[in-house]
Amino acid sequence: MVDQFIKKNGSIQQVDMGESGLIDGKYNTSHVGFSEPKQDRTPLNHVVAAIHQRKHSKTAVQTAKPKKPKKKVVYDDFGEPLRWVWEE
């Protein structure tokens, strides 16, 4: 894309690092965001403590019980029961 621009007689200006963010040699202070005084924050330590308490007081994960084998009927080609087989 840059090559196409240069082939069509486009020229690239050399700009010093950080200069493109300057307006009249100064930074644009309207976008900095520090023009207002610092606001007091509402302390939420009790909320954070409650969240941590809930996080760490989870019940222990129950281990899965071993599955019991199940009795299954094996049928013949005509749909008649042949025998019982234990499956896990």
PDB file of N, CA and C in Angstrom:
ATOM      1  N   MET A   1       0.822  -1.165   0.000  1.00  0.00           N
ATOM      2  CA  MET A   1       0.000   0.000   0.000  1.00  0.00           C
ATOM      3  C   MET A   1       0.884   1.252   0.000  1.00  0.00           C
ATOM      4  N   VAL A   2       1.951   1.240   0.777  1.00  0.00           N
ATOM      5  CA  VAL A   2       2.876   2.375   0.794  1.00  0.00           C
ATOM      6  C   VAL A   2       3.592   2.465  -0.540  1.00  0.00           C
ATOM      7  N   ASP A   3       3.955   1.311  -1.096  1.00  0.00           N
ATOM      8  CA  ASP A   3       4.641   1.299  -2.394  1.00  0.00           C
ATOM      9  C   ASP A   3       3.767   1.917  -3.481  1.00  0.00           C
ATOM     10  N   GLN A   4       2.471   1.627  -3.472  1.00  0.00           N
ATOM     11  CA  GLN A   4       1.565   2.203  -4.461  1.00  0.00           C
ATOM     12  C   GLN A   4       1.497   3.724  -4.309  1.00  0.00           C
ATOM     13  N   PHE A   5       1.502   4.196  -3.072  1.00  0.00           N
ATOM     14  CA  PHE A   5       1.464   5.635  -2.814  1.00  0.00           C
ATOM     15  C   PHE A   5       2.715   6.313  -3.363  1.00  0.00           C
ATOM     16  N   ILE A   6       3.860   5.687  -3.158  1.00  0.00           N
ATOM     17  CA  ILE A   6       5.120   6.270  -3.631  1.00  0.00           C
ATOM     18  C   ILE A   6       5.199   6.216  -5.152  1.00  0.00           C
ATOM     19  N   LYS A   7       4.705   5.143  -5.775  1.00  0.00           N
ATOM     20  CA  LYS A   7       4.731   5.016  -7.237  1.00  0.00           C
ATOM     21  C   LYS A   7       3.870   6.088  -7.907  1.00  0.00           C
ATOM     22  N   LYS A   8       2.829   6.554  -7.219  1.00  0.00           N
ATOM     23  CA  LYS A   8       1.958   7.593  -7.782  1.00  0.00           C
ATOM     24  C   LYS A   8       2.467   8.987  -7.403  1.00  0.00           C
ATOM     25  N   ASN A   9       3.793   9.118  -7.237  1.00  0.00           N
ATOM     26  CA  ASN A   9       4.462  10.377  -6.915  1.00  0.00           C
ATOM     27  C   ASN A   9       4.034  10.943  -5.561  1.00  0.00           C
ATOM     28  N   GLY A  10       3.705  10.082  -4.640  1.00  0.00           N
ATOM     29  CA  GLY A  10       3.397  10.532  -3.286  1.00  0.00           C
ATOM     30  C   GLY A  10       4.688  10.721  -2.510  1.00  0.00           C
ATOM     31  N   SER A  11       4.696  11.641  -1.603  1.00  0.00           N
ATOM     32  CA  SER A  11       5.901  11.867  -0.808  1.00  0.00           C
ATOM     33  C   SER A  11       5.564  11.683   0.671  1.00  0.00           C
ATOM     34  N   ILE A  12       6.558  11.229   1.405  1.00  0.00           N
ATOM     35  CA  ILE A  12       6.393  10.979   2.830  1.00  0.00           C
ATOM     36  C   ILE A  12       7.218  12.009   3.583  1.00  0.00           C
ATOM     37  N   GLN A  13       6.596  12.720   4.491  1.00  0.00           N
ATOM     38  CA  GLN A  13       7.310  13.699   5.301  1.00  0.00           C
ATOM     39  C   GLN A  13       7.919  13.000   6.512  1.00  0.00           C
ATOM     40  N   GLN A  14       9.077  13.451   6.911  1.00  0.00           N
ATOM     41  CA  GLN A  14       9.697  12.936   8.124  1.00  0.00           C
ATOM     42  C   GLN A  14       9.189  13.764   9.303  1.00  0.00           C
ATOM     43  N   VAL A  15       8.666  13.098  10.295  1.00  0.00           N
ATOM     44  CA  VAL A  15       8.107  13.759  11.466  1.00  0.00           C
ATOM     45  C   VAL A  15       8.841  13.225  12.686  1.00  0.00           C
ATOM     46  N   ASP A  16       9.255  14.129  13.580  1.00  0.00           N
ATOM     47  CA  ASP A  16       9.926  13.703  14.804  1.00  0.00           C
ATOM     48  C   ASP A  16       8.965  12.906  15.679  1.00  0.00           C
ATOM     49  N   MET A  17       9.536  11.998  16.465  1.00  0.00           N
ATOM     50  CA  MET A  17       8.737  11.135  17.313  1.00  0.00           C
ATOM     51  C   MET A  17       7.961  11.980  18.336  1.00  0.00           C
ATOM     52  N   GLY A  18       6.677  11.760  18.429  1.00  0.00           N
ATOM     53  CA  GLY A  18       5.827  12.485  19.361  1.00  0.00           C
ATOM     54  C   GLY A  18       5.312  13.806  18.841  1.00  0.00           C
ATOM     55  N   GLU A  19       5.797  14.255  17.711  1.00  0.00           N
ATOM     56  CA  GLU A  19       5.409  15.564  17.187  1.00  0.00           C
ATOM     57  C   GLU A  19       3.986  15.559  16.650  1.00  0.00           C
ATOM     58  N   SER A  20       3.511  14.416  16.189  1.00  0.00           N
ATOM     59  CA  SER A  20       2.176  14.376  15.598  1.00  0.00           C
ATOM     60  C   SER A  20       1.088  14.611  16.637  1.00  0.00           C
ATOM     61  N   GLY A  21       1.395  14.405  17.914  1.00  0.00           N
ATOM     62  CA  GLY A  21       0.410  14.646  18.963  1.00  0.00           C
ATOM     63  C   GLY A  21       0.424  16.068  19.476  1.00  0.00           C
ATOM     64  N   LEU A  22       1.258  16.913  18.911  1.00  0.00           N
ATOM     65  CA  LEU A  22       1.373  18.287  19.389  1.00  0.00           C
ATOM     66  C   LEU A  22       0.521  19.233  18.552  1.00  0.00           C
ATOM     67  N   ILE A  23      -0.042  20.238  19.199  1.00  0.00           N
ATOM     68  CA  ILE A  23      -0.768  21.303  18.515  1.00  0.00           C
ATOM     69  C   ILE A  23      -0.053  22.598  18.861  1.00  0.00           C
ATOM     70  N   ASP A  24       0.494  23.273  17.860  1.00  0.00           N
ATOM     71  CA  ASP A  24       1.295  24.489  18.043  1.00  0.00           C
ATOM     72  C   ASP A  24       2.467  24.239  18.984  1.00  0.00           C
ATOM     73  N   GLY A  25       3.059  23.069  18.882  1.00  0.00           N
ATOM     74  CA  GLY A  25       4.219  22.742  19.705  1.00  0.00           C
ATOM     75  C   GLY A  25       3.888  22.327  21.120  1.00  0.00           C
ATOM     76  N   LYS A  26       2.606  22.213  21.463  1.00  0.00           N
ATOM     77  CA  LYS A  26       2.198  21.832  22.814  1.00  0.00           C
ATOM     78  C   LYS A  26       1.239  20.651  22.720  1.00  0.00           C
ATOM     79  N   TYR A  27       1.175  19.878  23.784  1.00  0.00           N
ATOM     80  CA  TYR A  27       0.224  18.782  23.827  1.00  0.00           C
ATOM     81  C   TYR A  27      -1.189  19.331  23.932  1.00  0.00           C
ATOM     82  N   ASN A  28      -2.136  18.614  23.339  1.00  0.00           N
ATOM     83  CA  ASN A  28      -3.536  19.013  23.401  1.00  0.00           C
ATOM     84  C   ASN A  28      -4.058  18.672  24.797  1.00  0.00           C
ATOM     85  N   THR A  29      -4.141  19.659  25.661  1.00  0.00           N
ATOM     86  CA  THR A  29      -4.511  19.411  27.054  1.00  0.00           C
ATOM     87  C   THR A  29      -6.004  19.190  27.251  1.00  0.00           C
ATOM     88  N   SER A  30      -6.815  19.458  26.259  1.00  0.00           N
ATOM     89  CA  SER A  30      -8.254  19.244  26.435  1.00  0.00           C
ATOM     90  C   SER A  30      -8.590  17.756  26.461  1.00  0.00           C
ATOM     91  N   HIS A  31      -7.678  16.901  26.007  1.00  0.00           N
ATOM     92  CA  HIS A  31      -7.927  15.460  25.992  1.00  0.00           C
ATOM     93  C   HIS A  31      -7.194  14.735  27.107  1.00  0.00           C
ATOM     94  N   VAL A  32      -6.424  15.451  27.896  1.00  0.00           N
ATOM     95  CA  VAL A  32      -5.621  14.791  28.921  1.00  0.00           C
ATOM     96  C   VAL A  32      -6.507  14.227  30.014  1.00  0.00           C
ATOM     97  N   GLY A  33      -7.529  14.953  30.460  1.00  0.00           N
ATOM     98  CA  GLY A  33      -8.471  14.419  31.429  1.00  0.00           C
ATOM     99  C   GLY A  33      -8.127  14.728  32.871  1.00  0.00           C
ATOM    100  N   PHE A  34      -7.125  15.542  33.132  1.00  0.00           N
ATOM    101  CA  PHE A  34      -6.755  15.871  34.499  1.00  0.00           C
ATOM    102  C   PHE A  34      -7.104  17.314  34.842  1.00  0.00           C
ATOM    103  N   SER A  35      -8.080  17.878  34.177  1.00  0.00           N
ATOM    104  CA  SER A  35      -8.438  19.271  34.421  1.00  0.00           C
ATOM    105  C   SER A  35      -9.277  19.421  35.687  1.00  0.00           C
ATOM    106  N   GLU A  36      -9.987  18.373  36.106  1.00  0.00           N
ATOM    107  CA  GLU A  36     -10.819  18.430  37.300  1.00  0.00           C
ATOM    108  C   GLU A  36     -10.018  17.984  38.515  1.00  0.00           C
ATOM    109  N   PRO A  37     -10.370  18.467  39.692  1.00  0.00           N
ATOM    110  CA  PRO A  37      -9.660  18.001  40.893  1.00  0.00           C
ATOM    111  C   PRO A  37     -10.012  16.548  41.195  1.00  0.00           C
ATOM    112  N   LYS A  38      -9.145  15.912  41.952  1.00  0.00           N
ATOM    113  CA  LYS A  38      -9.338  14.505  42.302  1.00  0.00           C
ATOM    114  C   LYS A  38     -10.577  14.361  43.179  1.00  0.00           C
ATOM    115  N   GLN A  39     -11.441  13.408  42.845  1.00  0.00           N
ATOM    116  CA  GLN A  39     -12.658  13.187  43.615  1.00  0.00           C
ATOM    117  C   GLN A  39     -12.397  12.133  44.683  1.00  0.00           C
ATOM    118  N   ASP A  40     -13.083  12.277  45.809  1.00  0.00           N
ATOM    119  CA  ASP A  40     -12.970  11.265  46.856  1.00  0.00           C
ATOM    120  C   ASP A  40     -13.708  10.016  46.411  1.00  0.00           C
ATOM    121  N   ARG A  41     -13.121   8.890  46.708  1.00  0.00           N
ATOM    122  CA  ARG A  41     -13.740   7.619  46.337  1.00  0.00           C
ATOM    123  C   ARG A  41     -14.480   7.038  47.527  1.00  0.00           C
ATOM    124  N   THR A  42     -15.525   6.294  47.233  1.00  0.00           N
ATOM    125  CA  THR A  42     -16.293   5.648  48.283  1.00  0.00           C
ATOM    126  C   THR A  42     -15.561   4.386  48.700  1.00  0.00           C
ATOM    127  N   PRO A  43     -15.217   4.256  49.982  1.00  0.00           N
ATOM    128  CA  PRO A  43     -14.512   3.041  50.402  1.00  0.00           C
ATOM    129  C   PRO A  43     -15.449   1.832  50.337  1.00  0.00           C
ATOM    130  N   LEU A  44     -14.989   0.787  49.695  1.00  0.00           N
ATOM    131  CA  LEU A  44     -15.790  -0.432  49.537  1.00  0.00           C
ATOM    132  C   LEU A  44     -15.068  -1.639  50.117  1.00  0.00           C
ATOM    133  N   ASN A  45     -14.287  -1.409  51.161  1.00  0.00           N
ATOM    134  CA  ASN A  45     -13.522  -2.513  51.744  1.00  0.00           C
ATOM    135  C   ASN A  45     -14.429  -3.615  52.272  1.00  0.00           C
ATOM    136  N   HIS A  46     -15.587  -3.251  52.848  1.00  0.00           N
ATOM    137  CA  HIS A  46     -16.495  -4.270  53.369  1.00  0.00           C
ATOM    138  C   HIS A  46     -17.086  -5.109  52.234  1.00  0.00           C
ATOM    139  N   VAL A  47     -17.309  -4.511  51.081  1.00  0.00           N
ATOM    140  CA  VAL A  47     -17.841  -5.259  49.932  1.00  0.00           C
ATOM    141  C   VAL A  47     -16.788  -6.231  49.412  1.00  0.00           C
ATOM    142  N   VAL A  48     -15.552  -5.759  49.309  1.00  0.00           N
ATOM    143  CA  VAL A  48     -14.463  -6.623  48.844  1.00  0.00           C
ATOM    144  C   VAL A  48     -14.251  -7.767  49.828  1.00  0.00           C
ATOM    145  N   ALA A  49     -14.324  -7.481  51.135  1.00  0.00           N
ATOM    146  CA  ALA A  49     -14.156  -8.528  52.145  1.00  0.00           C
ATOM    147  C   ALA A  49     -15.264  -9.572  52.031  1.00  0.00           C
ATOM    148  N   ALA A  50     -16.497  -9.137  51.776  1.00  0.00           N
ATOM    149  CA  ALA A  50     -17.606 -10.083  51.632  1.00  0.00           C
ATOM    150  C   ALA A  50     -17.423 -10.957  50.401  1.00  0.00           C
ATOM    151  N   ILE A  51     -16.929 -10.384  49.318  1.00  0.00           N
ATOM    152  CA  ILE A  51     -16.693 -11.167  48.097  1.00  0.00           C
ATOM    153  C   ILE A  51     -15.609 -12.202  48.341  1.00  0.00           C
ATOM    154  N   HIS A  52     -14.518 -11.795  49.001  1.00  0.00           N
ATOM    155  CA  HIS A  52     -13.440 -12.743  49.290  1.00  0.00           C
ATOM    156  C   HIS A  52     -13.909 -13.843  50.234  1.00  0.00           C
ATOM    157  N   GLN A  53     -14.757 -13.498  51.191  1.00  0.00           N
ATOM    158  CA  GLN A  53     -15.260 -14.504  52.115  1.00  0.00           C
ATOM    159  C   GLN A  53     -16.115 -15.530  51.379  1.00  0.00           C
ATOM    160  N   ARG A  54     -16.981 -15.065  50.480  1.00  0.00           N
ATOM    161  CA  ARG A  54     -17.805 -16.003  49.703  1.00  0.00           C
ATOM    162  C   ARG A  54     -16.943 -16.867  48.806  1.00  0.00           C
ATOM    163  N   LYS A  55     -15.899 -16.269  48.245  1.00  0.00           N
ATOM    164  CA  LYS A  55     -15.027 -17.013  47.339  1.00  0.00           C
ATOM    165  C   LYS A  55     -14.310 -18.141  48.075  1.00  0.00           C
ATOM    166  N   HIS A  56     -13.837 -17.856  49.289  1.00  0.00           N
ATOM    167  CA  HIS A  56     -13.027 -18.833  50.010  1.00  0.00           C
ATOM    168  C   HIS A  56     -13.851 -19.771  50.881  1.00  0.00           C
ATOM    169  N   SER A  57     -15.145 -19.530  51.030  1.00  0.00           N
ATOM    170  CA  SER A  57     -15.956 -20.400  51.875  1.00  0.00           C
ATOM    171  C   SER A  57     -16.801 -21.366  51.054  1.00  0.00           C
ATOM    172  N   LYS A  58     -16.371 -21.671  49.864  1.00  0.00           N
ATOM    173  CA  LYS A  58     -17.129 -22.607  49.037  1.00  0.00           C
ATOM    174  C   LYS A  58     -17.067 -24.000  49.653  1.00  0.00           C
ATOM    175  N   THR A  59     -18.139 -24.744  49.471  1.00  0.00           N
ATOM    176  CA  THR A  59     -18.169 -26.098  50.002  1.00  0.00           C
ATOM    177  C   THR A  59     -17.213 -26.971  49.208  1.00  0.00           C
ATOM    178  N   ALA A  60     -16.721 -27.979  49.872  1.00  0.00           N
ATOM    179  CA  ALA A  60     -15.788 -28.885  49.216  1.00  0.00           C
ATOM    180  C   ALA A  60     -16.508 -29.626  48.093  1.00  0.00           C
ATOM    181  N   VAL A  61     -15.813 -29.828  47.021  1.00  0.00           N
ATOM    182  CA  VAL A  61     -16.389 -30.522  45.878  1.00  0.00           C
ATOM    183  C   VAL A  61     -16.563 -31.990  46.245  1.00  0.00           C
ATOM    184  N   GLN A  62     -17.773 -32.463  46.067  1.00  0.00           N
ATOM    185  CA  GLN A  62     -18.040 -33.856  46.396  1.00  0.00           C
ATOM    186  C   GLN A  62     -17.450 -34.752  45.321  1.00  0.00           C
ATOM    187  N   THR A  63     -16.798 -35.790  45.773  1.00  0.00           N
ATOM    188  CA  THR A  63     -16.237 -36.731  44.812  1.00  0.00           C
ATOM    189  C   THR A  63     -17.365 -37.581  44.246  1.00  0.00           C
ATOM    190  N   ALA A  64     -17.235 -37.917  43.006  1.00  0.00           N
ATOM    191  CA  ALA A  64     -18.264 -38.712  42.342  1.00  0.00           C
ATOM    192  C   ALA A  64     -18.237 -40.132  42.883  1.00  0.00           C
ATOM    193  N   LYS A  65     -19.417 -40.641  43.156  1.00  0.00           N
ATOM    194  CA  LYS A  65     -19.509 -42.013  43.637  1.00  0.00           C
ATOM    195  C   LYS A  65     -19.209 -42.954  42.482  1.00  0.00           C
ATOM    196  N   PRO A  66     -18.555 -44.057  42.775  1.00  0.00           N
ATOM    197  CA  PRO A  66     -18.325 -45.014  41.693  1.00  0.00           C
ATOM    198  C   PRO A  66     -19.670 -45.541  41.182  1.00  0.00           C
ATOM    199  N   LYS A  67     -19.790 -45.601  39.889  1.00  0.00           N
ATOM    200  CA  LYS A  67     -21.050 -46.038  39.290  1.00  0.00           C
ATOM    201  C   LYS A  67     -21.226 -47.533  39.490  1.00  0.00           C
ATOM    202  N   LYS A  68     -22.453 -47.875  39.819  1.00  0.00           N
ATOM    203  CA  LYS A  68     -22.772 -49.284  40.009  1.00  0.00           C
ATOM    204  C   LYS A  68     -23.037 -49.918  38.652  1.00  0.00           C
ATOM    205  N   PRO A  69     -22.659 -51.155  38.495  1.00  0.00           N
ATOM    206  CA  PRO A  69     -22.975 -51.820  37.226  1.00  0.00           C
ATOM    207  C   PRO A  69     -24.490 -51.994  37.080  1.00  0.00           C
ATOM    208  N   LYS A  70     -24.955 -51.927  35.846  1.00  0.00           N
ATOM    209  CA  LYS A  70     -26.385 -52.062  35.564  1.00  0.00           C
ATOM    210  C   LYS A  70     -26.636 -53.366  34.821  1.00  0.00           C
ATOM    211  N   LYS A  71     -27.795 -53.890  35.086  1.00  0.00           N
ATOM    212  CA  LYS A  71     -28.196 -55.136  34.447  1.00  0.00           C
ATOM    213  C   LYS A  71     -28.880 -54.805  33.126  1.00  0.00           C
ATOM    214  N   LYS A  72     -28.417 -55.399  32.029  1.00  0.00           N
ATOM    215  CA  LYS A  72     -28.970 -55.109  30.714  1.00  0.00           C
ATOM    216  C   LYS A  72     -29.387 -56.418  30.051  1.00  0.00           C
ATOM    217  N   VAL A  73     -30.500 -56.355  29.333  1.00  0.00           N
ATOM    218  CA  VAL A  73     -31.020 -57.538  28.649  1.00  0.00           C
ATOM    219  C   VAL A  73     -30.413 -57.604  27.260  1.00  0.00           C
ATOM    220  N   VAL A  74     -29.974 -58.785  26.859  1.00  0.00           N
ATOM    221  CA  VAL A  74     -29.489 -59.014  25.499  1.00  0.00           C
ATOM    222  C   VAL A  74     -30.586 -59.789  24.771  1.00  0.00           C
ATOM    223  N   TYR A  75     -31.012 -59.232  23.632  1.00  0.00           N
ATOM    224  CA  TYR A  75     -32.093 -59.849  22.856  1.00  0.00           C
ATOM    225  C   TYR A  75     -31.521 -60.573  21.653  1.00  0.00           C
ATOM    226  N   ASP A  76     -32.253 -61.587  21.191  1.00  0.00           N
ATOM    227  CA  ASP A  76     -31.834 -62.282  19.973  1.00  0.00           C
ATOM    228  C   ASP A  76     -32.399 -61.558  18.762  1.00  0.00           C
ATOM    229  N   ASP A  77     -32.220 -62.117  17.576  1.00  0.00           N
ATOM    230  CA  ASP A  77     -32.658 -61.474  16.338  1.00  0.00           C
ATOM    231  C   ASP A  77     -34.173 -61.314  16.253  1.00  0.00           C
ATOM    232  N   PHE A  78     -34.909 -62.092  17.029  1.00  0.00           N
ATOM    233  CA  PHE A  78     -36.370 -62.051  16.955  1.00  0.00           C
ATOM    234  C   PHE A  78     -36.977 -61.217  18.071  1.00  0.00           C
ATOM    235  N   GLY A  79     -36.129 -60.552  18.874  1.00  0.00           N
ATOM    236  CA  GLY A  79     -36.620 -59.696  19.941  1.00  0.00           C
ATOM    237  C   GLY A  79     -36.907 -60.415  21.235  1.00  0.00           C
ATOM    238  N   GLU A  80     -36.537 -61.677  21.319  1.00  0.00           N
ATOM    239  CA  GLU A  80     -36.745 -62.448  22.544  1.00  0.00           C
ATOM    240  C   GLU A  80     -35.541 -62.256  23.467  1.00  0.00           C
ATOM    241  N   PRO A  81     -35.771 -62.117  24.774  1.00  0.00           N
ATOM    242  CA  PRO A  81     -34.636 -61.969  25.692  1.00  0.00           C
ATOM    243  C   PRO A  81     -33.806 -63.247  25.740  1.00  0.00           C
ATOM    244  N   LEU A  82     -32.501 -63.075  25.591  1.00  0.00           N
ATOM    245  CA  LEU A  82     -31.587 -64.210  25.633  1.00  0.00           C
ATOM    246  C   LEU A  82     -30.977 -64.373  27.018  1.00  0.00           C
ATOM    247  N   ARG A  83     -30.366 -63.285  27.518  1.00  0.00           N
ATOM    248  CA  ARG A  83     -29.696 -63.359  28.814  1.00  0.00           C
ATOM    249  C   ARG A  83     -29.546 -61.945  29.377  1.00  0.00           C
ATOM    250  N   TRP A  84     -29.138 -61.903  30.633  1.00  0.00           N
ATOM    251  CA  TRP A  84     -28.846 -60.645  31.313  1.00  0.00           C
ATOM    252  C   TRP A  84     -27.337 -60.463  31.371  1.00  0.00           C
ATOM    253  N   VAL A  85     -26.887 -59.203  31.130  1.00  0.00           N
ATOM    254  CA  VAL A  85     -25.457 -58.890  31.169  1.00  0.00           C
ATOM    255  C   VAL A  85     -25.270 -57.679  32.085  1.00  0.00           C
ATOM    256  N   TRP A  86     -24.210 -57.705  32.879  1.00  0.00           N
ATOM    257  CA  TRP A  86     -23.887 -56.555  33.730  1.00  0.00           C
ATOM    258  C   TRP A  86     -23.000 -55.591  32.949  1.00  0.00           C
ATOM    259  N   GLU A  87     -23.416 -54.311  32.901  1.00  0.00           N
ATOM    260  CA  GLU A  87     -22.631 -53.281  32.214  1.00  0.00           C
ATOM    261  C   GLU A  87     -22.272 -52.174  33.193  1.00  0.00           C
ATOM    262  N   GLU A  88     -21.124 -51.595  32.982  1.00  0.00           N
ATOM    263  CA  GLU A  88     -20.709 -50.479  33.840  1.00  0.00           C
ATOM    264  C   GLU A  88     -20.992 -49.166  33.172  1.00  0.00           C
TER     265      GLU A  88
END
